[in-house]
N, C-alpha and C. Protein backbone atom coordinates (compact mmCIF):
# COMPACT_ATOMS: atom_id res chain seq x y z
N MET A 1 17.08 19.72 -41.08
CA MET A 1 16.14 20.69 -40.16
C MET A 1 15.13 19.86 -39.54
N ARG A 2 14.43 19.11 -40.25
CA ARG A 2 13.30 18.36 -39.76
C ARG A 2 13.64 17.33 -38.71
N LEU A 3 14.76 16.77 -38.88
CA LEU A 3 15.33 15.88 -37.92
C LEU A 3 15.71 16.54 -36.78
N ARG A 4 16.19 17.69 -36.77
CA ARG A 4 16.61 18.60 -35.50
C ARG A 4 15.45 18.80 -34.80
N ARG A 5 14.35 19.11 -35.41
CA ARG A 5 13.12 19.61 -34.69
C ARG A 5 12.54 18.33 -33.85
N THR A 6 12.51 17.20 -34.64
CA THR A 6 12.20 16.01 -33.80
C THR A 6 12.95 15.58 -32.75
N GLY A 7 14.15 15.85 -32.91
CA GLY A 7 15.14 15.61 -31.65
C GLY A 7 14.76 16.45 -30.50
N ILE A 8 14.52 17.89 -30.77
CA ILE A 8 14.14 18.81 -29.57
C ILE A 8 12.89 18.31 -29.00
N LEU A 9 11.72 18.14 -30.05
CA LEU A 9 10.55 17.66 -29.46
C LEU A 9 10.56 16.40 -28.62
N THR A 10 11.39 15.47 -29.03
CA THR A 10 11.52 14.18 -28.31
C THR A 10 12.23 14.57 -27.07
N LYS A 11 13.31 15.44 -26.93
CA LYS A 11 13.89 15.75 -25.70
C LYS A 11 12.89 16.59 -24.79
N VAL A 12 11.82 17.34 -25.16
CA VAL A 12 11.01 18.14 -24.41
C VAL A 12 10.12 17.05 -23.84
N VAL A 13 9.67 16.10 -24.69
CA VAL A 13 8.72 15.06 -24.14
C VAL A 13 9.30 14.10 -23.08
N ILE A 14 10.59 13.78 -23.14
CA ILE A 14 11.17 12.96 -22.37
C ILE A 14 11.26 13.84 -20.92
N VAL A 15 11.75 15.24 -20.95
CA VAL A 15 11.77 15.88 -19.84
C VAL A 15 10.47 16.05 -19.06
N VAL A 16 9.51 16.20 -19.80
CA VAL A 16 8.29 16.40 -19.32
C VAL A 16 7.70 15.05 -18.68
N LEU A 17 8.10 13.97 -19.30
CA LEU A 17 7.62 12.57 -18.68
C LEU A 17 8.59 12.39 -17.39
N LEU A 18 9.85 12.76 -17.39
CA LEU A 18 10.56 12.44 -16.22
C LEU A 18 10.17 13.38 -15.08
N VAL A 19 9.68 14.76 -15.36
CA VAL A 19 9.15 15.42 -14.28
C VAL A 19 7.93 15.05 -13.89
N TYR A 20 7.05 14.53 -14.61
CA TYR A 20 5.75 13.77 -14.30
C TYR A 20 6.14 12.63 -13.22
N LEU A 21 7.10 11.68 -13.66
CA LEU A 21 7.34 10.46 -12.91
C LEU A 21 8.15 10.81 -11.65
N ALA A 22 8.92 11.85 -11.58
CA ALA A 22 9.51 12.23 -10.31
C ALA A 22 8.40 12.79 -9.37
N THR A 23 7.42 13.51 -9.92
CA THR A 23 6.51 14.00 -8.97
C THR A 23 5.43 12.92 -8.50
N SER A 24 5.18 11.99 -9.35
CA SER A 24 4.55 10.71 -8.94
C SER A 24 5.13 9.96 -7.97
N LEU A 25 6.45 9.88 -8.19
CA LEU A 25 7.19 9.01 -7.00
C LEU A 25 7.17 9.77 -5.86
N LEU A 26 7.32 11.16 -5.68
CA LEU A 26 7.33 11.84 -4.55
C LEU A 26 5.88 11.71 -3.88
N ASP A 27 4.82 11.83 -4.63
CA ASP A 27 3.50 11.65 -4.11
C ASP A 27 3.30 10.28 -3.49
N LEU A 28 3.79 9.44 -4.25
CA LEU A 28 3.69 7.92 -3.66
C LEU A 28 4.42 7.76 -2.49
N ARG A 29 5.71 8.30 -2.44
CA ARG A 29 6.49 8.20 -1.06
C ARG A 29 5.63 8.80 -0.03
N GLY A 30 4.99 10.03 -0.19
CA GLY A 30 4.09 10.53 0.92
C GLY A 30 3.09 9.70 1.26
N GLN A 31 2.40 9.06 0.31
CA GLN A 31 1.39 8.22 0.59
C GLN A 31 1.96 7.00 1.49
N ILE A 32 2.92 6.31 1.11
CA ILE A 32 3.57 5.33 1.89
C ILE A 32 3.96 5.81 3.25
N GLN A 33 4.37 6.69 3.50
CA GLN A 33 4.69 7.38 4.88
C GLN A 33 3.53 7.48 5.77
N ASN A 34 2.48 8.08 5.17
CA ASN A 34 1.07 8.29 5.66
C ASN A 34 0.58 6.79 6.19
N THR A 35 0.67 5.93 5.22
CA THR A 35 0.24 4.61 5.58
C THR A 35 0.99 3.89 6.41
N LYS A 36 2.28 3.96 6.71
CA LYS A 36 3.03 3.54 7.56
C LYS A 36 2.62 4.20 9.23
N GLU A 37 2.36 5.33 9.04
CA GLU A 37 2.06 6.17 10.29
C GLU A 37 0.64 5.44 10.76
N GLN A 38 -0.36 5.40 9.78
CA GLN A 38 -1.60 4.78 10.21
C GLN A 38 -1.43 3.36 10.75
N GLN A 39 -0.47 2.58 10.06
CA GLN A 39 -0.27 1.19 10.51
C GLN A 39 0.16 1.23 11.98
N GLN A 40 1.07 2.00 12.22
CA GLN A 40 1.64 2.12 13.72
C GLN A 40 0.55 2.54 14.77
N THR A 41 -0.26 3.60 14.21
CA THR A 41 -1.35 3.80 15.09
C THR A 41 -2.34 2.72 15.39
N VAL A 42 -2.79 2.05 14.26
CA VAL A 42 -3.69 0.82 14.44
C VAL A 42 -3.07 -0.27 15.17
N SER A 43 -1.60 -0.41 14.96
CA SER A 43 -1.04 -1.50 15.88
C SER A 43 -0.97 -1.23 17.22
N GLN A 44 -0.72 -0.02 17.54
CA GLN A 44 -0.86 0.44 19.09
C GLN A 44 -2.35 0.17 19.56
N GLN A 45 -3.34 0.53 18.71
CA GLN A 45 -4.71 0.37 19.21
C GLN A 45 -5.02 -1.06 19.49
N VAL A 46 -4.50 -1.88 18.61
CA VAL A 46 -4.77 -3.37 18.64
C VAL A 46 -3.92 -3.83 19.95
N GLU A 47 -2.78 -3.40 20.26
CA GLU A 47 -2.13 -3.73 21.45
C GLU A 47 -2.97 -3.37 22.63
N ASP A 48 -3.35 -2.21 22.64
CA ASP A 48 -4.08 -1.67 23.88
C ASP A 48 -5.34 -2.45 24.01
N GLN A 49 -6.05 -2.75 23.05
CA GLN A 49 -7.38 -3.48 23.01
C GLN A 49 -7.01 -5.10 23.51
N ARG A 50 -5.89 -5.57 23.03
CA ARG A 50 -5.43 -6.77 23.47
C ARG A 50 -5.27 -6.98 25.03
N LEU A 51 -4.68 -5.83 25.56
CA LEU A 51 -4.46 -5.69 27.03
C LEU A 51 -5.57 -5.59 27.75
N ALA A 52 -6.51 -4.68 27.21
CA ALA A 52 -7.80 -4.49 27.96
C ALA A 52 -8.52 -5.81 27.89
N ASN A 53 -8.57 -6.57 26.70
CA ASN A 53 -9.21 -7.92 26.70
C ASN A 53 -8.67 -8.92 27.62
N GLN A 54 -7.40 -8.91 27.92
CA GLN A 54 -6.74 -9.61 28.82
C GLN A 54 -7.26 -9.29 30.24
N GLU A 55 -7.22 -8.19 30.57
CA GLU A 55 -7.68 -7.62 31.93
C GLU A 55 -9.19 -8.16 32.16
N LEU A 56 -9.93 -8.01 31.11
CA LEU A 56 -11.40 -8.31 31.30
C LEU A 56 -11.53 -9.92 31.47
N GLN A 57 -10.69 -10.62 30.54
CA GLN A 57 -10.51 -12.03 30.78
C GLN A 57 -10.09 -12.47 32.14
N GLU A 58 -9.15 -11.96 32.59
CA GLU A 58 -8.76 -12.24 34.13
C GLU A 58 -10.01 -11.80 35.25
N ALA A 59 -10.56 -10.71 34.85
CA ALA A 59 -11.72 -10.38 35.68
C ALA A 59 -12.77 -11.57 35.77
N ILE A 60 -13.04 -11.96 34.54
CA ILE A 60 -13.99 -13.04 34.27
C ILE A 60 -13.51 -14.28 35.01
N ASP A 61 -12.24 -14.67 35.01
CA ASP A 61 -11.72 -15.95 35.50
C ASP A 61 -11.70 -15.68 37.09
N ASN A 62 -11.49 -14.54 37.48
CA ASN A 62 -11.41 -14.26 39.08
C ASN A 62 -12.80 -13.92 39.71
N SER A 63 -13.84 -13.97 38.84
CA SER A 63 -15.24 -13.39 39.44
C SER A 63 -15.70 -14.12 40.58
N ASP A 64 -15.23 -15.39 40.70
CA ASP A 64 -15.61 -16.11 41.88
C ASP A 64 -14.69 -16.08 43.07
N ASP A 65 -13.57 -15.44 42.97
CA ASP A 65 -12.66 -15.32 44.01
C ASP A 65 -13.10 -14.46 45.03
N PRO A 66 -13.09 -14.73 46.44
CA PRO A 66 -13.83 -13.72 47.33
C PRO A 66 -12.93 -12.53 47.63
N GLU A 67 -11.68 -12.68 47.46
CA GLU A 67 -10.73 -11.47 47.48
C GLU A 67 -11.29 -10.48 46.44
N THR A 68 -11.34 -10.85 45.27
CA THR A 68 -11.77 -10.00 44.14
C THR A 68 -13.00 -9.35 44.45
N LEU A 69 -14.13 -10.17 44.71
CA LEU A 69 -15.33 -9.67 45.17
C LEU A 69 -15.33 -8.65 46.16
N GLU A 70 -14.54 -8.82 47.24
CA GLU A 70 -14.46 -7.86 48.25
C GLU A 70 -13.74 -6.59 47.63
N ARG A 71 -12.73 -6.72 47.08
CA ARG A 71 -12.08 -5.55 46.33
C ARG A 71 -13.06 -4.69 45.53
N VAL A 72 -13.79 -5.48 44.61
CA VAL A 72 -14.76 -4.50 43.93
C VAL A 72 -15.92 -3.83 44.79
N ALA A 73 -16.29 -4.66 45.66
CA ALA A 73 -17.32 -4.05 46.49
C ALA A 73 -16.78 -2.91 47.12
N ARG A 74 -15.43 -2.92 47.66
CA ARG A 74 -14.97 -1.81 48.42
C ARG A 74 -14.75 -0.62 47.34
N GLU A 75 -14.51 -0.92 46.14
CA GLU A 75 -14.21 0.32 45.14
C GLU A 75 -15.67 0.88 44.86
N ARG A 76 -16.77 0.09 45.07
CA ARG A 76 -17.99 0.72 44.89
C ARG A 76 -18.58 1.44 46.03
N GLY A 77 -17.88 1.51 47.20
CA GLY A 77 -18.27 1.98 48.44
C GLY A 77 -18.89 1.13 49.42
N TYR A 78 -18.74 -0.10 49.27
CA TYR A 78 -19.47 -1.06 50.24
C TYR A 78 -18.57 -1.18 51.46
N VAL A 79 -19.09 -1.57 52.51
CA VAL A 79 -18.40 -1.85 53.75
C VAL A 79 -18.85 -3.18 54.30
N LYS A 80 -18.03 -3.80 55.23
CA LYS A 80 -18.39 -4.89 55.94
C LYS A 80 -19.24 -4.53 57.04
N GLN A 81 -20.02 -5.57 57.50
CA GLN A 81 -20.88 -5.10 58.74
C GLN A 81 -19.96 -4.86 59.92
N GLY A 82 -20.32 -3.79 60.58
CA GLY A 82 -19.50 -3.32 61.64
C GLY A 82 -18.44 -2.29 61.42
N GLU A 83 -18.23 -2.07 60.07
CA GLU A 83 -17.10 -1.08 59.79
C GLU A 83 -17.83 0.15 59.57
N THR A 84 -16.93 1.32 59.69
CA THR A 84 -17.53 2.55 59.51
C THR A 84 -16.84 3.18 58.26
N LEU A 85 -17.35 3.69 57.33
CA LEU A 85 -17.06 4.46 56.19
C LEU A 85 -16.69 5.85 56.47
N TYR A 86 -15.46 6.45 56.09
CA TYR A 86 -15.13 7.76 56.33
C TYR A 86 -14.95 8.22 54.86
N SER A 87 -15.45 9.48 54.58
CA SER A 87 -15.24 10.20 53.26
C SER A 87 -14.55 11.19 53.45
N ASP A 88 -13.53 11.46 52.38
CA ASP A 88 -12.83 12.66 52.53
C ASP A 88 -13.49 13.72 51.87
N VAL A 89 -14.04 14.82 52.57
CA VAL A 89 -14.67 15.96 52.05
C VAL A 89 -13.73 17.05 51.67
N ALA A 90 -12.61 17.06 51.99
CA ALA A 90 -11.58 18.11 51.67
C ALA A 90 -11.21 18.04 50.14
N GLY A 91 -11.21 16.80 49.42
CA GLY A 91 -10.58 16.70 48.19
C GLY A 91 -11.59 16.63 47.05
């Protein structure tokens, strides 16, 4: 009789441990998925920043270029001497 009780108690402990391990594994799987999503987000941010840095470096490299200076000046609303600036008031 005592041997049978020990067998049942052992089975219950094993089942409880298996349920705990399964729950833990599912939780870890969720954490891994969240971490992968965060990694993808950060990788995209790194790529975006790399492109922005590349554009800034090109702007620095071309800062002495007369065409670049003229384009930047025109973007800021400057005109050459003798030119007339027209503004669109409808939009």
